[in-house]
Amino acid sequence: MSFTQLHPPVPLDVEGRGKGLAFAVIDYGPEHNLIWVTAIDDTGEIWCAPNPKVRMQRNWTLGRDMPAPAPHAPFGVAAE
């Protein structure tokens, strides 16, 4: 298991929670998702979100528009 502080923090969008800044990543090793430790902008809450639930925020300067929805089944849902 490793805990990595991000410097600078990374602006993310956490599904169901909103935009925030990820200030750390937890890696539990093989067969586990990375966990993004994120402070949500609107509420100040700290959420630990698994990798499939986070997306990079839009960045016009870098040419990154809103990401398309994931082409796979949501985390925890079996694909048909």
PDB file of N, CA and C in Angstrom:
ATOM      1  N   MET A   1       0.852  -1.165   0.000  1.00  0.00           N
ATOM      2  CA  MET A   1       0.000   0.000   0.000  1.00  0.00           C
ATOM      3  C   MET A   1       0.898   1.228   0.000  1.00  0.00           C
ATOM      4  N   SER A   2       0.527   2.210  -0.817  1.00  0.00           N
ATOM      5  CA  SER A   2       1.276   3.463  -0.807  1.00  0.00           C
ATOM      6  C   SER A   2       0.314   4.644  -0.813  1.00  0.00           C
ATOM      7  N   PHE A   3       0.741   5.714  -0.162  1.00  0.00           N
ATOM      8  CA  PHE A   3      -0.011   6.964  -0.103  1.00  0.00           C
ATOM      9  C   PHE A   3       0.891   8.026  -0.699  1.00  0.00           C
ATOM     10  N   THR A   4       0.433   8.667  -1.783  1.00  0.00           N
ATOM     11  CA  THR A   4       1.237   9.670  -2.465  1.00  0.00           C
ATOM     12  C   THR A   4       0.534  11.013  -2.427  1.00  0.00           C
ATOM     13  N   GLN A   5       1.203  12.013  -1.849  1.00  0.00           N
ATOM     14  CA  GLN A   5       0.657  13.368  -1.861  1.00  0.00           C
ATOM     15  C   GLN A   5       0.924  13.982  -3.229  1.00  0.00           C
ATOM     16  N   LEU A   6      -0.096  14.598  -3.814  1.00  0.00           N
ATOM     17  CA  LEU A   6       0.034  15.220  -5.127  1.00  0.00           C
ATOM     18  C   LEU A   6       0.406  16.692  -4.953  1.00  0.00           C
ATOM     19  N   HIS A   7       1.482  17.103  -5.609  1.00  0.00           N
ATOM     20  CA  HIS A   7       1.909  18.497  -5.537  1.00  0.00           C
ATOM     21  C   HIS A   7       2.356  18.926  -6.920  1.00  0.00           C
ATOM     22  N   PRO A   8       1.555  19.706  -7.626  1.00  0.00           N
ATOM     23  CA  PRO A   8       0.331  20.376  -7.194  1.00  0.00           C
ATOM     24  C   PRO A   8      -0.869  19.419  -7.221  1.00  0.00           C
ATOM     25  N   PRO A   9      -1.970  19.814  -6.538  1.00  0.00           N
ATOM     26  CA  PRO A   9      -3.185  18.997  -6.589  1.00  0.00           C
ATOM     27  C   PRO A   9      -3.752  18.945  -8.007  1.00  0.00           C
ATOM     28  N   VAL A  10      -4.533  17.908  -8.287  1.00  0.00           N
ATOM     29  CA  VAL A  10      -5.086  17.685  -9.624  1.00  0.00           C
ATOM     30  C   VAL A  10      -6.591  17.985  -9.608  1.00  0.00           C
ATOM     31  N   PRO A  11      -7.064  18.882 -10.501  1.00  0.00           N
ATOM     32  CA  PRO A  11      -8.507  19.155 -10.559  1.00  0.00           C
ATOM     33  C   PRO A  11      -9.257  17.984 -11.188  1.00  0.00           C
ATOM     34  N   LEU A  12     -10.209  17.426 -10.436  1.00  0.00           N
ATOM     35  CA  LEU A  12     -10.982  16.271 -10.884  1.00  0.00           C
ATOM     36  C   LEU A  12     -12.469  16.545 -10.748  1.00  0.00           C
ATOM     37  N   ASP A  13     -13.255  15.714 -11.416  1.00  0.00           N
ATOM     38  CA  ASP A  13     -14.702  15.701 -11.244  1.00  0.00           C
ATOM     39  C   ASP A  13     -15.046  14.314 -10.698  1.00  0.00           C
ATOM     40  N   VAL A  14     -15.584  14.272  -9.479  1.00  0.00           N
ATOM     41  CA  VAL A  14     -15.938  13.001  -8.843  1.00  0.00           C
ATOM     42  C   VAL A  14     -17.413  12.732  -9.122  1.00  0.00           C
ATOM     43  N   GLU A  15     -17.691  11.604  -9.759  1.00  0.00           N
ATOM     44  CA  GLU A  15     -19.059  11.240 -10.134  1.00  0.00           C
ATOM     45  C   GLU A  15     -19.985  11.284  -8.918  1.00  0.00           C
ATOM     46  N   GLY A  16     -21.063  12.058  -9.029  1.00  0.00           N
ATOM     47  CA  GLY A  16     -22.050  12.151  -7.965  1.00  0.00           C
ATOM     48  C   GLY A  16     -21.687  13.109  -6.839  1.00  0.00           C
ATOM     49  N   ARG A  17     -20.496  13.691  -6.882  1.00  0.00           N
ATOM     50  CA  ARG A  17     -20.057  14.602  -5.810  1.00  0.00           C
ATOM     51  C   ARG A  17     -19.720  15.995  -6.329  1.00  0.00           C
ATOM     52  N   GLY A  18     -19.189  16.089  -7.552  1.00  0.00           N
ATOM     53  CA  GLY A  18     -18.858  17.386  -8.131  1.00  0.00           C
ATOM     54  C   GLY A  18     -17.364  17.578  -8.329  1.00  0.00           C
ATOM     55  N   LYS A  19     -17.015  18.829  -8.638  1.00  0.00           N
ATOM     56  CA  LYS A  19     -15.626  19.176  -8.919  1.00  0.00           C
ATOM     57  C   LYS A  19     -14.848  19.359  -7.625  1.00  0.00           C
ATOM     58  N   GLY A  20     -13.558  19.038  -7.708  1.00  0.00           N
ATOM     59  CA  GLY A  20     -12.705  19.201  -6.542  1.00  0.00           C
ATOM     60  C   GLY A  20     -11.242  19.069  -6.907  1.00  0.00           C
ATOM     61  N   LEU A  21     -10.398  19.156  -5.887  1.00  0.00           N
ATOM     62  CA  LEU A  21      -8.959  19.003  -6.072  1.00  0.00           C
ATOM     63  C   LEU A  21      -8.494  17.732  -5.371  1.00  0.00           C
ATOM     64  N   ALA A  22      -7.897  16.840  -6.150  1.00  0.00           N
ATOM     65  CA  ALA A  22      -7.300  15.631  -5.571  1.00  0.00           C
ATOM     66  C   ALA A  22      -5.933  16.018  -5.023  1.00  0.00           C
ATOM     67  N   PHE A  23      -5.712  15.733  -3.740  1.00  0.00           N
ATOM     68  CA  PHE A  23      -4.435  16.093  -3.132  1.00  0.00           C
ATOM     69  C   PHE A  23      -3.613  14.871  -2.745  1.00  0.00           C
ATOM     70  N   ALA A  24      -4.178  13.679  -2.968  1.00  0.00           N
ATOM     71  CA  ALA A  24      -3.431  12.452  -2.679  1.00  0.00           C
ATOM     72  C   ALA A  24      -4.026  11.285  -3.456  1.00  0.00           C
ATOM     73  N   VAL A  25      -3.220  10.248  -3.621  1.00  0.00           N
ATOM     74  CA  VAL A  25      -3.654   8.997  -4.253  1.00  0.00           C
ATOM     75  C   VAL A  25      -3.219   7.850  -3.346  1.00  0.00           C
ATOM     76  N   ILE A  26      -4.137   6.913  -3.127  1.00  0.00           N
ATOM     77  CA  ILE A  26      -3.832   5.708  -2.357  1.00  0.00           C
ATOM     78  C   ILE A  26      -3.804   4.531  -3.329  1.00  0.00           C
ATOM     79  N   ASP A  27      -2.740   3.753  -3.277  1.00  0.00           N
ATOM     80  CA  ASP A  27      -2.591   2.584  -4.139  1.00  0.00           C
ATOM     81  C   ASP A  27      -2.473   1.351  -3.251  1.00  0.00           C
ATOM     82  N   TYR A  28      -3.511   0.509  -3.281  1.00  0.00           N
ATOM     83  CA  TYR A  28      -3.517  -0.706  -2.470  1.00  0.00           C
ATOM     84  C   TYR A  28      -2.861  -1.886  -3.185  1.00  0.00           C
ATOM     85  N   GLY A  29      -2.368  -1.665  -4.400  1.00  0.00           N
ATOM     86  CA  GLY A  29      -1.645  -2.716  -5.096  1.00  0.00           C
ATOM     87  C   GLY A  29      -2.451  -3.363  -6.202  1.00  0.00           C
ATOM     88  N   PRO A  30      -1.945  -4.502  -6.711  1.00  0.00           N
ATOM     89  CA  PRO A  30      -2.594  -5.191  -7.818  1.00  0.00           C
ATOM     90  C   PRO A  30      -4.042  -5.557  -7.501  1.00  0.00           C
ATOM     91  N   GLU A  31      -4.851  -5.517  -8.521  1.00  0.00           N
ATOM     92  CA  GLU A  31      -6.268  -5.888  -8.456  1.00  0.00           C
ATOM     93  C   GLU A  31      -7.102  -4.942  -7.600  1.00  0.00           C
ATOM     94  N   HIS A  32      -6.608  -3.731  -7.396  1.00  0.00           N
ATOM     95  CA  HIS A  32      -7.368  -2.693  -6.696  1.00  0.00           C
ATOM     96  C   HIS A  32      -7.312  -1.420  -7.532  1.00  0.00           C
ATOM     97  N   ASN A  33      -8.400  -0.655  -7.504  1.00  0.00           N
ATOM     98  CA  ASN A  33      -8.392   0.645  -8.160  1.00  0.00           C
ATOM     99  C   ASN A  33      -7.561   1.623  -7.344  1.00  0.00           C
ATOM    100  N   LEU A  34      -6.966   2.605  -8.040  1.00  0.00           N
ATOM    101  CA  LEU A  34      -6.374   3.722  -7.315  1.00  0.00           C
ATOM    102  C   LEU A  34      -7.496   4.459  -6.604  1.00  0.00           C
ATOM    103  N   ILE A  35      -7.216   5.036  -5.450  1.00  0.00           N
ATOM    104  CA  ILE A  35      -8.191   5.808  -4.691  1.00  0.00           C
ATOM    105  C   ILE A  35      -7.726   7.261  -4.681  1.00  0.00           C
ATOM    106  N   TRP A  36      -8.556   8.168  -5.197  1.00  0.00           N
ATOM    107  CA  TRP A  36      -8.238   9.592  -5.280  1.00  0.00           C
ATOM    108  C   TRP A  36      -8.828  10.304  -4.071  1.00  0.00           C
ATOM    109  N   VAL A  37      -7.980  10.901  -3.245  1.00  0.00           N
ATOM    110  CA  VAL A  37      -8.423  11.650  -2.068  1.00  0.00           C
ATOM    111  C   VAL A  37      -8.662  13.085  -2.536  1.00  0.00           C
ATOM    112  N   THR A  38      -9.942  13.481  -2.540  1.00  0.00           N
ATOM    113  CA  THR A  38     -10.350  14.726  -3.198  1.00  0.00           C
ATOM    114  C   THR A  38     -11.161  15.615  -2.273  1.00  0.00           C
ATOM    115  N   ALA A  39     -10.807  16.905  -2.235  1.00  0.00           N
ATOM    116  CA  ALA A  39     -11.586  17.918  -1.518  1.00  0.00           C
ATOM    117  C   ALA A  39     -12.579  18.510  -2.516  1.00  0.00           C
ATOM    118  N   ILE A  40     -13.872  18.365  -2.240  1.00  0.00           N
ATOM    119  CA  ILE A  40     -14.922  18.840  -3.144  1.00  0.00           C
ATOM    120  C   ILE A  40     -15.077  20.355  -2.991  1.00  0.00           C
ATOM    121  N   ASP A  41     -15.078  21.068  -4.127  1.00  0.00           N
ATOM    122  CA  ASP A  41     -15.123  22.535  -4.121  1.00  0.00           C
ATOM    123  C   ASP A  41     -16.354  23.096  -3.417  1.00  0.00           C
ATOM    124  N   ASP A  42     -17.544  22.610  -3.776  1.00  0.00           N
ATOM    125  CA  ASP A  42     -18.792  23.207  -3.284  1.00  0.00           C
ATOM    126  C   ASP A  42     -19.073  22.941  -1.812  1.00  0.00           C
ATOM    127  N   THR A  43     -18.649  21.794  -1.295  1.00  0.00           N
ATOM    128  CA  THR A  43     -19.032  21.412   0.069  1.00  0.00           C
ATOM    129  C   THR A  43     -17.874  21.369   1.057  1.00  0.00           C
ATOM    130  N   GLY A  44     -16.647  21.298   0.543  1.00  0.00           N
ATOM    131  CA  GLY A  44     -15.490  21.165   1.420  1.00  0.00           C
ATOM    132  C   GLY A  44     -15.292  19.752   1.945  1.00  0.00           C
ATOM    133  N   GLU A  45     -16.167  18.832   1.537  1.00  0.00           N
ATOM    134  CA  GLU A  45     -16.044  17.441   1.978  1.00  0.00           C
ATOM    135  C   GLU A  45     -14.815  16.792   1.354  1.00  0.00           C
ATOM    136  N   ILE A  46     -14.263  15.823   2.056  1.00  0.00           N
ATOM    137  CA  ILE A  46     -13.155  15.020   1.544  1.00  0.00           C
ATOM    138  C   ILE A  46     -13.723  13.650   1.191  1.00  0.00           C
ATOM    139  N   TRP A  47     -13.543  13.247  -0.068  1.00  0.00           N
ATOM    140  CA  TRP A  47     -14.024  11.946  -0.524  1.00  0.00           C
ATOM    141  C   TRP A  47     -12.866  11.135  -1.069  1.00  0.00           C
ATOM    142  N   CYS A  48     -12.889   9.844  -0.800  1.00  0.00           N
ATOM    143  CA  CYS A  48     -11.930   8.897  -1.365  1.00  0.00           C
ATOM    144  C   CYS A  48     -12.670   8.128  -2.451  1.00  0.00           C
ATOM    145  N   ALA A  49     -12.385   8.473  -3.697  1.00  0.00           N
ATOM    146  CA  ALA A  49     -13.133   7.922  -4.825  1.00  0.00           C
ATOM    147  C   ALA A  49     -12.273   6.950  -5.626  1.00  0.00           C
ATOM    148  N   PRO A  50     -12.834   5.782  -5.991  1.00  0.00           N
ATOM    149  CA  PRO A  50     -12.084   4.834  -6.814  1.00  0.00           C
ATOM    150  C   PRO A  50     -11.902   5.366  -8.233  1.00  0.00           C
ATOM    151  N   ASN A  51     -10.851   4.932  -8.862  1.00  0.00           N
ATOM    152  CA  ASN A  51     -10.470   5.410 -10.189  1.00  0.00           C
ATOM    153  C   ASN A  51     -11.624   5.479 -11.204  1.00  0.00           C
ATOM    154  N   PRO A  52     -12.516   4.472 -11.312  1.00  0.00           N
ATOM    155  CA  PRO A  52     -13.588   4.556 -12.315  1.00  0.00           C
ATOM    156  C   PRO A  52     -14.594   5.677 -12.057  1.00  0.00           C
ATOM    157  N   LYS A  53     -14.584   6.275 -10.873  1.00  0.00           N
ATOM    158  CA  LYS A  53     -15.555   7.318 -10.523  1.00  0.00           C
ATOM    159  C   LYS A  53     -15.007   8.733 -10.674  1.00  0.00           C
ATOM    160  N   VAL A  54     -13.782   8.895 -11.155  1.00  0.00           N
ATOM    161  CA  VAL A  54     -13.208  10.232 -11.308  1.00  0.00           C
ATOM    162  C   VAL A  54     -12.844  10.509 -12.759  1.00  0.00           C
ATOM    163  N   ARG A  55     -12.946  11.773 -13.130  1.00  0.00           N
ATOM    164  CA  ARG A  55     -12.561  12.234 -14.466  1.00  0.00           C
ATOM    165  C   ARG A  55     -11.799  13.545 -14.317  1.00  0.00           C
ATOM    166  N   MET A  56     -10.872  13.789 -15.223  1.00  0.00           N
ATOM    167  CA  MET A  56     -10.170  15.069 -15.242  1.00  0.00           C
ATOM    168  C   MET A  56     -11.164  16.173 -15.557  1.00  0.00           C
ATOM    169  N   GLN A  57     -10.949  17.350 -14.973  1.00  0.00           N
ATOM    170  CA  GLN A  57     -11.797  18.491 -15.305  1.00  0.00           C
ATOM    171  C   GLN A  57     -11.411  19.036 -16.672  1.00  0.00           C
ATOM    172  N   ARG A  58     -12.332  19.745 -17.258  1.00  0.00           N
ATOM    173  CA  ARG A  58     -12.111  20.395 -18.550  1.00  0.00           C
ATOM    174  C   ARG A  58     -10.972  21.400 -18.410  1.00  0.00           C
ATOM    175  N   ASN A  59     -10.118  21.499 -19.439  1.00  0.00           N
ATOM    176  CA  ASN A  59      -9.032  22.471 -19.446  1.00  0.00           C
ATOM    177  C   ASN A  59      -8.881  23.009 -20.857  1.00  0.00           C
ATOM    178  N   TRP A  60      -9.424  24.187 -21.074  1.00  0.00           N
ATOM    179  CA  TRP A  60      -9.426  24.800 -22.399  1.00  0.00           C
ATOM    180  C   TRP A  60      -8.006  25.031 -22.905  1.00  0.00           C
ATOM    181  N   THR A  61      -7.106  25.467 -22.036  1.00  0.00           N
ATOM    182  CA  THR A  61      -5.732  25.759 -22.430  1.00  0.00           C
ATOM    183  C   THR A  61      -5.026  24.520 -22.974  1.00  0.00           C
ATOM    184  N   LEU A  62      -5.304  23.379 -22.386  1.00  0.00           N
ATOM    185  CA  LEU A  62      -4.674  22.135 -22.832  1.00  0.00           C
ATOM    186  C   LEU A  62      -5.468  21.427 -23.922  1.00  0.00           C
ATOM    187  N   GLY A  63      -6.613  22.019 -24.320  1.00  0.00           N
ATOM    188  CA  GLY A  63      -7.426  21.416 -25.361  1.00  0.00           C
ATOM    189  C   GLY A  63      -8.211  20.208 -24.886  1.00  0.00           C
ATOM    190  N   ARG A  64      -8.427  20.099 -23.577  1.00  0.00           N
ATOM    191  CA  ARG A  64      -9.167  18.963 -23.030  1.00  0.00           C
ATOM    192  C   ARG A  64     -10.610  19.379 -22.788  1.00  0.00           C
ATOM    193  N   ASP A  65     -11.512  18.878 -23.625  1.00  0.00           N
ATOM    194  CA  ASP A  65     -12.934  19.163 -23.477  1.00  0.00           C
ATOM    195  C   ASP A  65     -13.527  18.165 -22.491  1.00  0.00           C
ATOM    196  N   MET A  66     -14.830  18.249 -22.293  1.00  0.00           N
ATOM    197  CA  MET A  66     -15.481  17.323 -21.368  1.00  0.00           C
ATOM    198  C   MET A  66     -15.305  15.895 -21.876  1.00  0.00           C
ATOM    199  N   PRO A  67     -14.893  14.962 -21.003  1.00  0.00           N
ATOM    200  CA  PRO A  67     -14.685  13.582 -21.441  1.00  0.00           C
ATOM    201  C   PRO A  67     -16.000  12.897 -21.784  1.00  0.00           C
ATOM    202  N   ALA A  68     -15.920  12.000 -22.735  1.00  0.00           N
ATOM    203  CA  ALA A  68     -17.094  11.204 -23.101  1.00  0.00           C
ATOM    204  C   ALA A  68     -17.363  10.194 -21.991  1.00  0.00           C
ATOM    205  N   PRO A  69     -18.609   9.750 -21.849  1.00  0.00           N
ATOM    206  CA  PRO A  69     -18.904   8.718 -20.844  1.00  0.00           C
ATOM    207  C   PRO A  69     -18.074   7.463 -21.098  1.00  0.00           C
ATOM    208  N   ALA A  70     -17.759   6.769 -20.030  1.00  0.00           N
ATOM    209  CA  ALA A  70     -16.968   5.545 -20.140  1.00  0.00           C
ATOM    210  C   ALA A  70     -17.709   4.513 -20.984  1.00  0.00           C
ATOM    211  N   PRO A  71     -16.999   3.804 -21.884  1.00  0.00           N
ATOM    212  CA  PRO A  71     -17.648   2.826 -22.759  1.00  0.00           C
ATOM    213  C   PRO A  71     -17.934   1.490 -22.078  1.00  0.00           C
ATOM    214  N   HIS A  72     -17.579   1.347 -20.826  1.00  0.00           N
ATOM    215  CA  HIS A  72     -17.769   0.079 -20.116  1.00  0.00           C
ATOM    216  C   HIS A  72     -18.841   0.228 -19.048  1.00  0.00           C
ATOM    217  N   ALA A  73     -19.223  -0.881 -18.463  1.00  0.00           N
ATOM    218  CA  ALA A  73     -20.235  -0.868 -17.401  1.00  0.00           C
ATOM    219  C   ALA A  73     -19.695  -0.123 -16.184  1.00  0.00           C
ATOM    220  N   PRO A  74     -20.561   0.573 -15.444  1.00  0.00           N
ATOM    221  CA  PRO A  74     -20.113   1.271 -14.236  1.00  0.00           C
ATOM    222  C   PRO A  74     -19.496   0.314 -13.229  1.00  0.00           C
ATOM    223  N   PHE A  75     -18.637   0.842 -12.378  1.00  0.00           N
ATOM    224  CA  PHE A  75     -17.960   0.058 -11.344  1.00  0.00           C
ATOM    225  C   PHE A  75     -18.984  -0.694 -10.500  1.00  0.00           C
ATOM    226  N   GLY A  76     -18.788  -1.971 -10.326  1.00  0.00           N
ATOM    227  CA  GLY A  76     -19.674  -2.777  -9.497  1.00  0.00           C
ATOM    228  C   GLY A  76     -20.891  -3.330 -10.224  1.00  0.00           C
ATOM    229  N   VAL A  77     -21.024  -3.043 -11.534  1.00  0.00           N
ATOM    230  CA  VAL A  77     -22.169  -3.529 -12.306  1.00  0.00           C
ATOM    231  C   VAL A  77     -21.650  -4.491 -13.364  1.00  0.00           C
ATOM    232  N   ALA A  78     -22.208  -5.666 -13.415  1.00  0.00           N
ATOM    233  CA  ALA A  78     -21.774  -6.668 -14.389  1.00  0.00           C
ATOM    234  C   ALA A  78     -22.242  -6.284 -15.787  1.00  0.00           C
ATOM    235  N   ALA A  79     -21.353  -6.407 -16.757  1.00  0.00           N
ATOM    236  CA  ALA A  79     -21.706  -6.145 -18.153  1.00  0.00           C
ATOM    237  C   ALA A  79     -22.491  -7.330 -18.702  1.00  0.00           C
ATOM    238  N   GLU A  80     -23.395  -7.054 -19.615  1.00  0.00           N
ATOM    239  CA  GLU A  80     -24.196  -8.134 -20.211  1.00  0.00           C
ATOM    240  C   GLU A  80     -23.480  -8.771 -21.367  1.00  0.00           C
TER     241      GLU A  80
END
